[in-house]
Amino acid sequence: MAGGRSQRHKVLYQGVASNGETEASGVGGGDIGASPAVTSLSPATIVAGTPQLTVGIVGTGFTPDSVVLWDGDDQPTTFQDDRFLQITVDPSVEGPGTHQVGVRTGNLYSGTKPFTFT
């Protein structure tokens, strides 16, 4: 980028990867490459009906303004650093099934990773 200036673009993108996970989606207005990315969840599977627990979201591009999305809904989010966020889930209110977890920072969205209650 000439002169050290970043380029800003608005992008509307949505796709589904071959493994069924969604790819980045939403309208972005930030710097190119500034979208958050989720690489893994820890844990990614738990038994339905177990006590409340903390789930770690590992990735890149997180900021103190990043919010974890659970099936598209904002969740109270704890920012640890630019690679780690946390949420608390209550498996006692969820039956068996798979939920999609992603991250939103402003109007930039990550892809999602599956979280499964067995």
Protein backbone atom coordinates (compact mmCIF):
# COMPACT_ATOMS: atom_id res chain seq x y z
CA MET A 1 0.00 0.00 0.00
CA ALA A 2 1.49 3.27 -1.10
CA GLY A 3 2.64 5.71 1.55
CA GLY A 4 1.78 3.32 4.39
CA ARG A 5 -1.92 4.14 4.15
CA SER A 6 -4.38 1.32 4.60
CA GLN A 7 -7.12 0.72 2.10
CA ARG A 8 -10.73 0.51 3.22
CA HIS A 9 -13.36 -1.44 1.33
CA LYS A 10 -16.97 -2.39 1.87
CA VAL A 11 -17.62 -6.03 1.11
CA LEU A 12 -20.77 -8.14 1.20
CA TYR A 13 -19.83 -11.80 1.29
CA GLN A 14 -21.40 -15.00 2.47
CA GLY A 15 -20.49 -18.55 1.66
CA VAL A 16 -20.55 -22.09 2.95
CA ALA A 17 -17.36 -24.10 3.11
CA SER A 18 -17.25 -27.73 1.98
CA ASN A 19 -17.33 -28.85 5.64
CA GLY A 20 -20.65 -27.06 6.22
CA GLU A 21 -19.21 -24.20 8.28
CA THR A 22 -20.08 -20.70 7.19
CA GLU A 23 -17.34 -18.53 5.81
CA ALA A 24 -16.98 -14.82 6.61
CA SER A 25 -20.18 -12.94 6.05
CA GLY A 26 -21.55 -9.46 6.52
CA VAL A 27 -20.79 -5.98 5.36
CA GLY A 28 -17.28 -4.94 6.25
CA GLY A 29 -16.05 -1.40 6.44
CA GLY A 30 -12.68 -1.94 8.08
CA ASP A 31 -9.18 -2.32 6.84
CA ILE A 32 -8.54 -5.19 4.46
CA GLY A 33 -7.65 -8.27 6.51
CA ALA A 34 -9.08 -6.78 9.73
CA SER A 35 -11.97 -9.26 9.95
CA PRO A 36 -11.89 -11.53 12.99
CA ALA A 37 -11.29 -15.23 12.35
CA VAL A 38 -12.25 -18.16 14.59
CA THR A 39 -9.85 -21.09 14.39
CA SER A 40 -11.12 -23.28 17.24
CA LEU A 41 -13.34 -23.57 20.31
CA SER A 42 -12.25 -25.02 23.63
CA PRO A 43 -14.08 -27.19 24.38
CA ALA A 44 -16.02 -27.77 21.15
CA THR A 45 -18.27 -30.54 22.53
CA ILE A 46 -19.90 -31.07 25.93
CA VAL A 47 -22.68 -33.18 27.38
CA ALA A 48 -26.08 -31.46 27.54
CA GLY A 49 -27.24 -30.93 31.12
CA THR A 50 -23.78 -30.40 32.62
CA PRO A 51 -23.09 -27.32 34.76
CA GLN A 52 -22.39 -23.89 33.33
CA LEU A 53 -18.91 -23.58 31.83
CA THR A 54 -16.59 -21.16 30.08
CA VAL A 55 -15.88 -21.68 26.38
CA GLY A 56 -12.73 -20.25 24.84
CA ILE A 57 -12.81 -18.88 21.30
CA VAL A 58 -9.37 -19.01 19.68
CA GLY A 59 -8.62 -17.02 16.56
CA THR A 60 -7.14 -13.82 15.22
CA GLY A 61 -8.08 -10.19 14.86
CA PHE A 62 -10.04 -9.87 18.10
CA THR A 63 -10.37 -6.48 19.81
CA PRO A 64 -11.99 -5.31 23.06
CA ASP A 65 -15.05 -4.51 20.88
CA SER A 66 -15.36 -8.10 19.59
CA VAL A 67 -18.56 -9.95 20.48
CA VAL A 68 -19.09 -13.71 20.32
CA LEU A 69 -22.17 -14.81 18.36
CA TRP A 70 -24.07 -17.95 19.39
CA ASP A 71 -26.32 -18.98 16.50
CA GLY A 72 -26.11 -15.35 15.37
CA ASP A 73 -27.05 -13.82 18.74
CA ASP A 74 -24.64 -11.56 20.67
CA GLN A 75 -23.30 -13.10 23.88
CA PRO A 76 -21.66 -11.40 26.87
CA THR A 77 -18.00 -11.67 25.88
CA THR A 78 -14.76 -11.45 27.83
CA PHE A 79 -11.80 -10.15 25.81
CA GLN A 80 -8.52 -11.78 26.81
CA ASP A 81 -6.29 -10.65 23.92
CA ASP A 82 -6.27 -10.38 20.12
CA ARG A 83 -6.35 -14.20 19.85
CA PHE A 84 -8.65 -15.30 22.68
CA LEU A 85 -12.22 -14.52 23.80
CA GLN A 86 -14.46 -16.25 26.35
CA ILE A 87 -18.17 -16.78 26.87
CA THR A 88 -20.14 -18.68 29.48
CA VAL A 89 -22.68 -21.25 28.32
CA ASP A 90 -25.31 -23.06 30.35
CA PRO A 91 -25.66 -26.58 28.94
CA SER A 92 -28.46 -27.35 31.42
CA VAL A 93 -30.85 -25.31 29.25
CA GLU A 94 -29.75 -26.85 25.95
CA GLY A 95 -30.71 -30.22 24.58
CA PRO A 96 -28.45 -32.24 22.28
CA GLY A 97 -27.57 -30.40 19.08
CA THR A 98 -25.03 -28.29 17.26
CA HIS A 99 -24.75 -24.52 17.47
CA GLN A 100 -22.69 -22.13 15.36
CA VAL A 101 -20.19 -19.84 17.11
CA GLY A 102 -18.65 -16.81 15.42
CA VAL A 103 -17.29 -13.37 16.25
CA ARG A 104 -18.38 -9.89 15.25
CA THR A 105 -16.13 -6.86 15.53
CA GLY A 106 -18.09 -3.78 14.52
CA ASN A 107 -19.64 -4.74 11.20
CA LEU A 108 -17.01 -7.37 10.34
CA TYR A 109 -17.89 -11.02 10.87
CA SER A 110 -15.83 -14.18 11.19
CA GLY A 111 -16.85 -17.53 9.85
CA THR A 112 -18.38 -19.93 12.36
CA LYS A 113 -17.29 -23.10 14.12
CA PRO A 114 -19.67 -25.76 15.42
CA PHE A 115 -20.26 -26.26 19.15
CA THR A 116 -22.02 -29.52 19.98
CA PHE A 117 -24.08 -30.61 22.98
CA THR A 118 -24.21 -34.43 23.04
